[in-house]
Amino acid sequence: MKILSTLRTFNQQHPRIVNSVLTVGSLFVFLMLLEWGFRSFLLMFQPEAAGVIRQFSQSAAKDDTLRRFEPHPYLSYAPAKIRFENEGIRIGKAFYPRRKNPNVIRIACLGGSTTMNQFPDPLARLLMQQPDPRRFEVMDFGCDAWTLMESTINYLIRVSAFKPDIAIVHHGCNDVPPRYWPDYLPDYSHFRKTWQEARIPSSIKYLLTRSWMGCFLMQRLGLTYYDITNLTVHRIPPSQMKTQFVDEALESYERNLRTLAALMKAHGGTLVIAPMAYSRTKAGEKFAQGIEDYNRIARVTAADLHVPIAETDAILKNHDEWFIDQVHLNSNGNALKAQIYSNVIREIVGDGTKEGSANILSKENKTFSEKRDLELRWEYDPRNIREYHVYVRIDRDPILKYLGRTFPGTSRSYRWKADAPELAPIMKEEFHGGPRMGHTYYFQVYPITQDDPPKVLKPMRSGQEVKIIERPWE
């Protein structure tokens, strides 16, 4: 009774406060009931939409954009972990002086979130594990959500100052969205904007990301669960996105690849182009097509410029369980990427071993045909071997190119015949014309183990472990 009397007296003395509390309380209860009703409706009638919103809520609650990134005058934003310091640059805990030691081979990794904190560390460990008097430095210049446009600019204003001997460019997924943003511009300014503070205060965002209705409204407004996108990408509602890709974006992508290759060559280095691996089950049809388009441009450009290409998709597409989402990999997948990139790097800088003799096709030898039918043969212990990857070097080209692969591990040969891709169904299309007269071909065959993750073993070389048989009689 005493409590009721006190409340009655307080109401008489402060009626506005009491009315405000009752109003807020009633509004809170109403919103809770509305939220409960909205969730129940989605779970019962639209379970797929409920799953999307649940993921939105969970991801937005974990977002740490403001801790990991910061504005940049030329890049819109950049990783906070990379800072110039004392005539050098610090990337995380590692410091790299501007002037490197003569016995150091410096590798710069350019890319988006599939590079940043992904394969560079295992690549560095792998390179240093192998006996070599030289020391390898692997610099992680990747940044979440960057396109090839940002990586090209980043090379100009930061990476080039450290004169990398090799730069691995690994892009192809973040350049997909600019292709269906409206009013395409070749410098991506229709898509990218300078860093702008979030219009939604963090306290409100905290509440919204725990409300399914709030997540639904944020999605309808064109917001994503990552602030890095909200802060640096022009916001548009989904209804304004183009249903067809803009092909002009492919020209921009190729132009940037050629620019990076020319700059690396001018600075005395080598560009390595690494197409994007992606999950065949987790990537939607439109997103997958976008990646395939960029991968095609990457492969054609690498072949035209005679720069090395590092292919990982051929193996990783058989390991869908290693994909966390559409393109990001777990530690097994990144370890495999590191192995492939390490092999390519070793081919560029040498590994201290001598090459075997190459197979020479001469016009003076069986001149009745311009083309040849070659069969590679080898002997290898098949235990624990999944498949073999075949690479070829043509004439004096210093670059080994991926020819194709053969499986299972019991395979002992690979046939390369003109206009007969059915003999080697997993051969790169550019080699379907077969080997030709008047050229020198040098082969390497890499065994791939059945381990989890698989290991890429030391290659067998033509003239040594790999025998080359000419079959022009069929």
Protein backbone atom coordinates (compact mmCIF):
# COMPACT_ATOMS: atom_id res chain seq x y z
CA MET A 1 0.00 0.00 0.00
CA LYS A 2 2.85 2.33 0.78
CA ILE A 3 4.37 1.77 -2.69
CA LEU A 4 1.04 2.51 -4.42
CA SER A 5 0.66 5.65 -2.33
CA THR A 6 4.15 6.79 -3.31
CA LEU A 7 3.46 6.18 -7.00
CA ARG A 8 0.16 8.06 -6.77
CA THR A 9 1.87 11.01 -5.14
CA PHE A 10 4.68 10.98 -7.77
CA ASN A 11 2.06 10.94 -10.54
CA GLN A 12 0.30 13.92 -9.06
CA GLN A 13 3.55 15.87 -8.71
CA HIS A 14 5.14 14.84 -12.05
CA PRO A 15 2.37 13.90 -14.51
CA ARG A 16 4.48 14.65 -17.60
CA ILE A 17 7.24 12.25 -16.57
CA VAL A 18 4.75 9.48 -15.87
CA ASN A 19 2.95 10.02 -19.18
CA SER A 20 6.26 9.99 -21.06
CA VAL A 21 7.31 6.73 -19.40
CA LEU A 22 3.97 5.12 -20.19
CA THR A 23 4.15 6.30 -23.80
CA VAL A 24 7.69 4.99 -24.28
CA GLY A 25 6.79 1.72 -22.58
CA SER A 26 3.72 1.27 -24.74
CA LEU A 27 5.73 2.04 -27.88
CA PHE A 28 8.40 -0.46 -26.83
CA VAL A 29 5.82 -3.20 -26.27
CA PHE A 30 4.17 -2.38 -29.62
CA LEU A 31 7.51 -2.58 -31.46
CA MET A 32 8.37 -5.85 -29.73
CA LEU A 33 5.05 -7.35 -30.79
CA LEU A 34 5.55 -6.03 -34.32
CA GLU A 35 9.06 -7.51 -34.43
CA TRP A 36 7.78 -10.85 -33.15
CA GLY A 37 5.00 -10.85 -35.74
CA PHE A 38 7.44 -9.95 -38.57
CA ARG A 39 9.84 -12.74 -37.60
CA SER A 40 7.04 -15.27 -37.31
CA PHE A 41 5.71 -14.31 -40.75
CA LEU A 42 9.12 -14.68 -42.41
CA LEU A 43 9.93 -17.97 -40.70
CA MET A 44 6.58 -19.42 -41.67
CA PHE A 45 6.06 -18.09 -45.19
CA GLN A 46 9.49 -16.87 -46.43
CA PRO A 47 12.21 -18.98 -44.77
CA GLU A 48 14.85 -18.05 -47.39
CA ALA A 49 14.35 -14.34 -46.72
CA ALA A 50 14.54 -15.06 -43.00
CA GLY A 51 17.91 -16.76 -43.52
CA VAL A 52 19.26 -13.77 -45.46
CA ILE A 53 18.15 -11.31 -42.80
CA ARG A 54 19.58 -13.46 -40.01
CA GLN A 55 22.94 -13.47 -41.79
CA PHE A 56 22.69 -9.69 -42.31
CA SER A 57 22.08 -9.18 -38.60
CA GLN A 58 24.92 -11.44 -37.47
CA SER A 59 27.45 -10.01 -39.92
CA ALA A 60 26.57 -6.38 -39.20
CA ALA A 61 26.94 -6.97 -35.46
CA LYS A 62 30.50 -8.26 -35.99
CA ASP A 63 31.58 -5.54 -38.43
CA ASP A 64 34.81 -3.79 -37.38
CA THR A 65 35.35 -1.45 -40.33
CA LEU A 66 36.29 1.62 -38.28
CA ARG A 67 39.04 -0.34 -36.51
CA ARG A 68 40.56 -2.00 -39.58
CA PHE A 69 40.33 0.75 -42.21
CA GLU A 70 40.79 4.49 -42.52
CA PRO A 71 40.14 7.18 -45.15
CA HIS A 72 42.75 7.76 -47.85
CA PRO A 73 42.88 10.77 -50.21
CA TYR A 74 43.59 8.74 -53.37
CA LEU A 75 42.15 5.31 -52.58
CA SER A 76 38.94 6.27 -50.75
CA TYR A 77 40.16 4.02 -47.93
CA ALA A 78 43.07 1.77 -47.02
CA PRO A 79 44.02 -0.79 -44.35
CA ALA A 80 44.92 0.83 -41.05
CA LYS A 81 47.64 -1.80 -40.56
CA ILE A 82 49.78 -0.35 -43.39
CA ARG A 83 51.77 2.77 -42.48
CA PHE A 84 54.88 4.52 -43.78
CA GLU A 85 57.54 4.60 -41.10
CA ASN A 86 61.28 5.44 -40.84
CA GLU A 87 62.21 5.21 -44.54
CA GLY A 88 60.10 2.12 -44.93
CA ILE A 89 56.63 0.73 -44.48
CA ARG A 90 55.03 -1.33 -41.73
CA ILE A 91 52.44 -3.95 -42.69
CA GLY A 92 50.99 -5.36 -39.50
CA LYS A 93 53.98 -6.32 -37.35
CA ALA A 94 56.44 -6.62 -40.24
CA PHE A 95 58.66 -3.70 -41.29
CA TYR A 96 60.10 -3.38 -44.82
CA PRO A 97 62.83 -0.80 -45.55
CA ARG A 98 62.59 1.15 -48.77
CA ARG A 99 66.03 -0.12 -49.80
CA LYS A 100 66.07 -3.90 -49.66
CA ASN A 101 69.10 -6.09 -49.16
CA PRO A 102 70.65 -7.36 -52.46
CA ASN A 103 69.99 -11.01 -51.51
CA VAL A 104 66.30 -10.35 -50.86
CA ILE A 105 63.57 -11.28 -53.33
CA ARG A 106 60.57 -9.07 -52.61
CA ILE A 107 57.06 -10.19 -53.56
CA ALA A 108 54.10 -7.78 -53.43
CA CYS A 109 50.61 -9.31 -53.20
CA LEU A 110 47.89 -7.11 -54.74
CA GLY A 111 44.22 -7.97 -54.29
CA GLY A 112 41.07 -7.69 -52.23
CA SER A 113 39.83 -9.71 -49.27
CA THR A 114 40.93 -12.96 -50.95
CA THR A 115 44.49 -11.62 -50.56
CA MET A 116 44.42 -9.56 -47.35
CA ASN A 117 45.45 -11.82 -44.44
CA GLN A 118 44.83 -14.90 -46.60
CA PHE A 119 47.56 -16.56 -48.73
CA PRO A 120 50.53 -14.13 -48.23
CA ASP A 121 51.54 -15.53 -44.80
CA PRO A 122 51.54 -19.21 -45.85
CA LEU A 123 53.32 -18.19 -49.06
CA ALA A 124 56.07 -16.48 -47.06
CA ARG A 125 56.48 -19.52 -44.80
CA LEU A 126 56.59 -21.87 -47.77
CA LEU A 127 59.24 -19.87 -49.62
CA MET A 128 61.47 -19.64 -46.56
CA GLN A 129 61.18 -23.36 -45.81
CA GLN A 130 62.96 -24.30 -49.03
CA PRO A 131 66.78 -24.20 -49.01
CA ASP A 132 67.94 -21.05 -50.76
CA PRO A 133 70.73 -18.57 -49.97
CA ARG A 134 68.32 -15.77 -50.83
CA ARG A 135 65.69 -14.41 -48.48
CA PHE A 136 62.07 -13.86 -49.53
CA GLU A 137 59.88 -10.98 -48.37
CA VAL A 138 56.15 -11.28 -49.02
CA MET A 139 54.32 -7.97 -48.64
CA ASP A 140 50.55 -8.14 -48.15
CA PHE A 141 49.10 -5.14 -50.01
CA GLY A 142 45.61 -6.64 -50.22
CA CYS A 143 42.59 -4.74 -48.94
CA ASP A 144 39.02 -5.89 -48.36
CA ALA A 145 36.59 -4.87 -51.13
CA TRP A 146 39.26 -3.24 -53.31
CA THR A 147 38.87 -3.61 -57.04
CA LEU A 148 41.72 -3.86 -59.54
CA MET A 149 41.35 -0.09 -59.94
CA GLU A 150 42.41 0.51 -56.31
CA SER A 151 45.26 -1.99 -56.54
CA THR A 152 46.60 -0.26 -59.66
CA ILE A 153 46.53 3.13 -57.94
CA ASN A 154 48.03 1.60 -54.80
CA TYR A 155 50.93 0.23 -56.85
CA LEU A 156 51.66 3.70 -58.20
CA ILE A 157 51.57 5.57 -54.90
CA ARG A 158 52.92 2.98 -52.45
CA VAL A 159 54.02 -0.41 -53.76
CA SER A 160 56.37 0.83 -56.50
CA ALA A 161 58.47 2.71 -53.94
CA PHE A 162 59.63 -0.66 -52.56
CA LYS A 163 60.68 -2.09 -55.95
CA PRO A 164 59.18 -5.58 -55.70
CA ASP A 165 60.84 -8.22 -57.86
CA ILE A 166 57.47 -9.93 -58.35
CA ALA A 167 53.91 -8.67 -57.93
CA ILE A 168 51.02 -11.16 -57.75
CA VAL A 169 47.75 -9.54 -58.79
CA HIS A 170 44.72 -11.54 -57.63
CA HIS A 171 41.39 -9.95 -58.56
CA GLY A 172 38.14 -10.78 -60.30
CA CYS A 173 35.33 -10.72 -57.73
CA ASN A 174 35.17 -7.13 -56.41
CA ASP A 175 35.13 -5.80 -59.98
CA VAL A 176 31.82 -7.57 -60.62
CA PRO A 177 29.47 -5.11 -58.79
CA PRO A 178 30.68 -2.02 -60.75
CA ARG A 179 29.43 -3.77 -63.90
CA TYR A 180 25.80 -3.60 -62.84
CA TRP A 181 25.84 -0.27 -60.96
CA PRO A 182 23.94 2.34 -63.03
CA ASP A 183 25.63 5.00 -65.20
CA TYR A 184 28.95 3.16 -65.67
CA LEU A 185 32.15 5.25 -65.79
CA PRO A 186 35.55 3.74 -66.74
CA ASP A 187 37.26 5.14 -63.62
CA TYR A 188 34.66 3.44 -61.36
CA SER A 189 33.54 6.80 -59.94
CA HIS A 190 29.93 5.73 -60.63
CA PHE A 191 30.53 3.02 -58.01
CA ARG A 192 33.23 4.24 -55.64
CA LYS A 193 32.94 7.39 -53.51
CA THR A 194 35.30 9.06 -51.06
CA TRP A 195 35.05 7.86 -47.47
CA GLN A 196 32.02 9.39 -45.83
CA GLU A 197 30.97 8.99 -42.22
CA ALA A 198 28.01 6.70 -41.74
CA ARG A 199 24.67 8.52 -41.70
CA ILE A 200 23.32 6.00 -39.22
CA PRO A 201 24.86 6.47 -35.73
CA SER A 202 26.55 3.37 -34.37
CA SER A 203 24.06 3.17 -31.48
CA ILE A 204 21.10 3.09 -33.88
CA LYS A 205 22.88 0.62 -36.14
CA TYR A 206 23.46 -1.61 -33.10
CA LEU A 207 19.72 -1.73 -32.45
CA LEU A 208 18.77 -2.10 -36.10
CA THR A 209 21.11 -5.04 -36.66
CA ARG A 210 19.35 -6.89 -33.83
CA SER A 211 15.94 -6.25 -35.32
CA TRP A 212 14.79 -8.20 -38.37
CA MET A 213 12.57 -5.31 -39.37
CA GLY A 214 15.52 -2.95 -39.05
CA CYS A 215 17.68 -5.25 -41.23
CA PHE A 216 14.90 -5.43 -43.81
CA LEU A 217 14.68 -1.62 -43.97
CA MET A 218 18.47 -1.25 -44.22
CA GLN A 219 18.55 -3.69 -47.14
CA ARG A 220 15.73 -1.86 -48.92
CA LEU A 221 17.73 1.38 -48.56
CA GLY A 222 20.71 -0.23 -50.31
CA LEU A 223 22.86 -0.60 -47.17
CA THR A 224 24.99 -3.67 -46.54
CA TYR A 225 26.17 -5.30 -43.34
CA TYR A 226 29.73 -4.05 -43.90
CA ASP A 227 30.34 -0.38 -43.15
CA ILE A 228 33.28 -0.33 -45.54
CA THR A 229 30.74 -0.66 -48.36
CA ASN A 230 28.27 1.82 -46.88
CA LEU A 231 31.05 4.38 -46.43
CA THR A 232 32.79 4.04 -49.80
CA VAL A 233 30.22 2.85 -52.36
CA HIS A 234 27.39 4.91 -53.84
CA ARG A 235 24.22 3.61 -52.23
CA ILE A 236 21.47 2.49 -54.57
CA PRO A 237 18.35 0.40 -53.95
CA PRO A 238 18.44 -3.09 -55.49
CA SER A 239 15.73 -2.08 -57.98
CA GLN A 240 18.19 0.30 -59.74
CA MET A 241 20.86 -2.33 -60.39
CA LYS A 242 21.28 -3.31 -64.02
CA THR A 243 20.11 -6.75 -65.01
CA GLN A 244 22.78 -7.02 -67.73
CA PHE A 245 26.53 -6.57 -67.28
CA VAL A 246 28.30 -3.56 -68.77
CA ASP A 247 30.97 -4.93 -71.12
CA GLU A 248 32.97 -1.69 -71.06
CA ALA A 249 34.15 -2.70 -67.57
CA LEU A 250 36.14 -5.53 -69.14
CA GLU A 251 38.13 -2.96 -71.11
CA SER A 252 38.96 -1.10 -67.89
CA TYR A 253 40.03 -4.35 -66.25
CA GLU A 254 42.32 -5.32 -69.14
CA ARG A 255 43.77 -1.81 -69.29
CA ASN A 256 44.69 -1.93 -65.60
CA LEU A 257 46.32 -5.35 -65.98
CA ARG A 258 48.39 -4.09 -68.90
CA THR A 259 49.34 -0.97 -66.94
CA LEU A 260 50.55 -3.04 -63.99
CA ALA A 261 52.53 -5.35 -66.27
CA ALA A 262 54.17 -2.39 -68.03
CA LEU A 263 55.02 -0.65 -64.76
CA MET A 264 56.50 -3.80 -63.25
CA LYS A 265 58.60 -4.36 -66.37
CA ALA A 266 59.77 -0.75 -66.35
CA HIS A 267 60.80 -1.12 -62.71
CA GLY A 268 62.71 -4.33 -63.41
CA GLY A 269 60.12 -6.71 -61.94
CA THR A 270 57.68 -9.35 -63.14
CA LEU A 271 53.89 -9.32 -62.83
CA VAL A 272 52.14 -12.61 -62.06
CA ILE A 273 48.44 -12.72 -62.94
CA ALA A 274 46.39 -15.00 -60.69
CA PRO A 275 42.77 -15.59 -61.85
CA MET A 276 40.09 -15.91 -59.18
CA ALA A 277 39.00 -19.30 -57.83
CA TYR A 278 35.34 -19.52 -56.78
CA SER A 279 32.79 -21.98 -55.44
CA ARG A 280 30.49 -23.53 -58.04
CA THR A 281 27.74 -24.08 -55.46
CA LYS A 282 27.95 -20.93 -53.34
CA ALA A 283 28.38 -18.36 -56.13
CA GLY A 284 25.16 -17.28 -57.82
CA GLU A 285 24.88 -17.59 -61.59
CA LYS A 286 25.34 -13.87 -62.25
CA PHE A 287 28.29 -13.50 -59.89
CA ALA A 288 29.95 -16.62 -61.32
CA GLN A 289 29.57 -15.30 -64.86
CA GLY A 290 31.18 -12.03 -63.81
CA ILE A 291 34.19 -13.84 -62.35
CA GLU A 292 34.49 -16.03 -65.45
CA ASP A 293 34.52 -12.90 -67.64
CA TYR A 294 37.37 -11.35 -65.66
CA ASN A 295 39.28 -14.65 -65.51
CA ARG A 296 39.05 -14.90 -69.29
CA ILE A 297 40.44 -11.37 -69.66
CA ALA A 298 43.23 -12.22 -67.20
CA ARG A 299 44.26 -15.35 -69.12
CA VAL A 300 44.14 -13.75 -72.55
CA THR A 301 46.11 -10.71 -71.32
CA ALA A 302 48.75 -12.89 -69.64
CA ALA A 303 49.21 -14.90 -72.83
CA ASP A 304 49.40 -11.76 -74.99
CA LEU A 305 51.94 -10.04 -72.71
CA HIS A 306 53.92 -13.24 -72.03
CA VAL A 307 53.67 -12.78 -68.28
CA PRO A 308 53.33 -15.69 -65.84
CA ILE A 309 49.88 -16.87 -64.84
CA ALA A 310 49.14 -18.70 -61.58
CA GLU A 311 46.08 -20.95 -61.91
CA THR A 312 44.38 -22.22 -58.74
CA ASP A 313 40.76 -22.59 -59.87
CA ALA A 314 41.41 -25.90 -61.66
CA ILE A 315 42.17 -27.62 -58.34
CA LEU A 316 40.08 -25.58 -55.91
CA LYS A 317 36.84 -26.04 -57.84
CA ASN A 318 37.06 -29.71 -56.81
CA HIS A 319 37.21 -28.71 -53.12
CA ASP A 320 34.00 -26.86 -52.52
CA GLU A 321 34.21 -27.74 -48.82
CA TRP A 322 37.18 -25.37 -48.48
CA PHE A 323 35.16 -22.32 -49.57
CA ILE A 324 33.77 -20.31 -46.66
CA ASP A 325 31.55 -18.41 -49.09
CA GLN A 326 31.65 -17.59 -52.80
CA VAL A 327 35.38 -16.87 -53.04
CA HIS A 328 36.96 -16.92 -49.58
CA LEU A 329 38.84 -20.03 -48.49
CA ASN A 330 39.73 -21.72 -45.25
CA SER A 331 43.34 -22.45 -44.27
CA ASN A 332 43.50 -25.52 -46.52
CA GLY A 333 42.48 -23.54 -49.60
CA ASN A 334 44.90 -20.71 -48.87
CA ALA A 335 47.71 -23.21 -48.27
CA LEU A 336 47.09 -24.65 -51.71
CA LYS A 337 47.09 -21.19 -53.31
CA ALA A 338 50.41 -20.52 -51.59
CA GLN A 339 51.88 -23.71 -53.06
CA ILE A 340 50.83 -22.83 -56.61
CA TYR A 341 52.14 -19.27 -56.28
CA SER A 342 55.38 -20.56 -54.77
CA ASN A 343 55.92 -22.83 -57.79
CA VAL A 344 55.39 -19.92 -60.19
CA ILE A 345 57.77 -17.72 -58.19
CA ARG A 346 60.41 -20.46 -58.21
CA GLU A 347 60.11 -20.72 -61.98
CA ILE A 348 60.76 -16.97 -62.27
CA VAL A 349 63.69 -16.66 -59.85
CA GLY A 350 65.09 -20.18 -60.29
CA ASP A 351 65.36 -22.96 -57.75
CA GLY A 352 68.99 -23.95 -58.17
CA THR A 353 68.32 -26.97 -60.36
CA LYS A 354 69.25 -27.44 -64.01
CA GLU A 355 66.61 -27.84 -66.68
CA GLY A 356 66.46 -30.97 -68.76
CA SER A 357 66.62 -30.93 -72.52
CA ALA A 358 63.58 -29.65 -74.38
CA ASN A 359 61.82 -31.44 -77.19
CA ILE A 360 62.61 -29.81 -80.56
CA LEU A 361 60.25 -30.05 -83.51
CA SER A 362 62.07 -29.25 -86.72
CA LYS A 363 60.56 -28.55 -90.14
CA GLU A 364 63.26 -30.80 -91.53
CA ASN A 365 61.76 -33.71 -89.62
CA LYS A 366 58.67 -35.28 -91.26
CA THR A 367 57.67 -32.14 -93.17
CA PHE A 368 54.38 -33.58 -94.42
CA SER A 369 52.48 -31.87 -91.61
CA GLU A 370 52.73 -28.43 -90.01
CA LYS A 371 51.40 -29.81 -86.71
CA ARG A 372 52.54 -32.58 -84.41
CA ASP A 373 50.95 -35.14 -82.14
CA LEU A 374 52.95 -35.33 -78.90
CA GLU A 375 52.53 -37.71 -76.01
CA LEU A 376 54.23 -37.08 -72.64
CA ARG A 377 55.07 -40.17 -70.63
CA TRP A 378 56.43 -40.56 -67.12
CA GLU A 379 56.89 -43.06 -64.32
CA TYR A 380 55.79 -41.98 -60.87
CA ASP A 381 54.70 -43.74 -57.69
CA PRO A 382 50.87 -43.39 -57.83
CA ARG A 383 50.35 -43.84 -54.11
CA ASN A 384 48.72 -40.74 -52.62
CA ILE A 385 48.62 -38.94 -56.04
CA ARG A 386 45.32 -37.40 -57.13
CA GLU A 387 46.24 -35.91 -60.53
CA TYR A 388 49.01 -34.27 -62.58
CA HIS A 389 49.22 -30.69 -63.86
CA VAL A 390 51.14 -30.12 -67.09
CA TYR A 391 52.96 -26.87 -67.95
CA VAL A 392 54.76 -25.95 -71.17
CA ARG A 393 57.42 -23.40 -72.13
CA ILE A 394 57.53 -22.44 -75.81
CA ASP A 395 60.75 -21.43 -77.58
CA ARG A 396 62.64 -18.78 -75.60
CA ASP A 397 59.62 -17.58 -73.66
CA PRO A 398 60.78 -17.62 -70.01
CA ILE A 399 57.24 -18.27 -68.77
CA LEU A 400 55.80 -21.71 -68.10
CA LYS A 401 52.15 -21.80 -69.17
CA TYR A 402 49.48 -24.07 -67.79
CA LEU A 403 48.67 -26.62 -70.52
CA GLY A 404 46.16 -28.84 -68.73
CA ARG A 405 45.83 -31.69 -66.25
CA THR A 406 45.27 -35.41 -66.21
CA PHE A 407 43.90 -37.79 -63.59
CA PRO A 408 43.69 -40.13 -61.73
CA GLY A 409 47.05 -40.57 -60.04
CA THR A 410 47.62 -43.81 -61.94
CA SER A 411 47.90 -41.84 -65.21
CA ARG A 412 51.23 -42.19 -66.96
CA SER A 413 50.78 -39.99 -70.01
CA TYR A 414 49.28 -36.82 -71.45
CA ARG A 415 48.53 -36.47 -75.15
CA TRP A 416 48.66 -33.15 -77.00
CA LYS A 417 47.32 -33.43 -80.52
CA ALA A 418 46.07 -30.71 -82.87
CA ASP A 419 42.29 -30.26 -82.97
CA ALA A 420 41.71 -33.27 -80.72
CA PRO A 421 40.84 -31.84 -77.31
CA GLU A 422 38.93 -35.02 -76.46
CA LEU A 423 42.30 -36.75 -75.98
CA ALA A 424 43.02 -34.32 -73.13
CA PRO A 425 39.60 -32.98 -72.08
CA ILE A 426 41.00 -30.67 -69.41
CA MET A 427 43.34 -28.73 -71.70
CA LYS A 428 43.45 -24.94 -71.91
CA GLU A 429 41.59 -23.81 -75.03
CA GLU A 430 44.52 -21.75 -76.33
CA PHE A 431 46.47 -24.99 -76.87
CA HIS A 432 43.80 -26.89 -78.80
CA GLY A 433 45.71 -26.16 -82.03
CA GLY A 434 48.39 -28.59 -80.88
CA PRO A 435 52.19 -28.31 -81.05
CA ARG A 436 53.57 -26.89 -84.31
CA MET A 437 56.65 -27.44 -86.41
CA GLY A 438 59.63 -25.15 -85.95
CA HIS A 439 59.15 -24.61 -82.21
CA THR A 440 60.87 -25.79 -79.08
CA TYR A 441 58.71 -27.18 -76.25
CA TYR A 442 59.82 -27.76 -72.69
CA PHE A 443 57.45 -29.49 -70.26
CA GLN A 444 57.01 -29.83 -66.53
CA VAL A 445 54.53 -32.17 -64.85
CA TYR A 446 53.46 -31.42 -61.26
CA PRO A 447 52.07 -34.31 -59.16
CA ILE A 448 49.16 -33.28 -56.88
CA THR A 449 48.71 -35.36 -53.71
CA GLN A 450 45.49 -36.61 -52.13
CA ASP A 451 46.32 -34.96 -48.81
CA ASP A 452 43.98 -32.51 -47.15
CA PRO A 453 45.03 -29.97 -48.25
CA PRO A 454 46.74 -31.49 -51.32
CA LYS A 455 50.41 -30.76 -51.85
CA VAL A 456 52.00 -29.73 -55.13
CA LEU A 457 55.15 -31.83 -55.37
CA LYS A 458 58.42 -31.12 -57.13
CA PRO A 459 57.85 -31.23 -60.90
CA MET A 460 59.05 -33.85 -63.34
CA ARG A 461 60.92 -32.25 -66.23
CA SER A 462 61.17 -33.08 -69.92
CA GLY A 463 64.42 -34.74 -70.86
CA GLN A 464 64.67 -36.14 -67.35
CA GLU A 465 61.59 -37.77 -65.81
CA VAL A 466 59.22 -36.88 -68.69
CA LYS A 467 59.75 -38.57 -72.05
CA ILE A 468 58.31 -36.99 -75.20
CA ILE A 469 57.03 -39.25 -77.94
CA GLU A 470 56.13 -37.90 -81.41
CA ARG A 471 53.10 -39.61 -82.99
CA PRO A 472 52.69 -38.01 -86.45
CA TRP A 473 51.60 -41.30 -88.01
CA GLU A 474 48.00 -41.17 -86.65
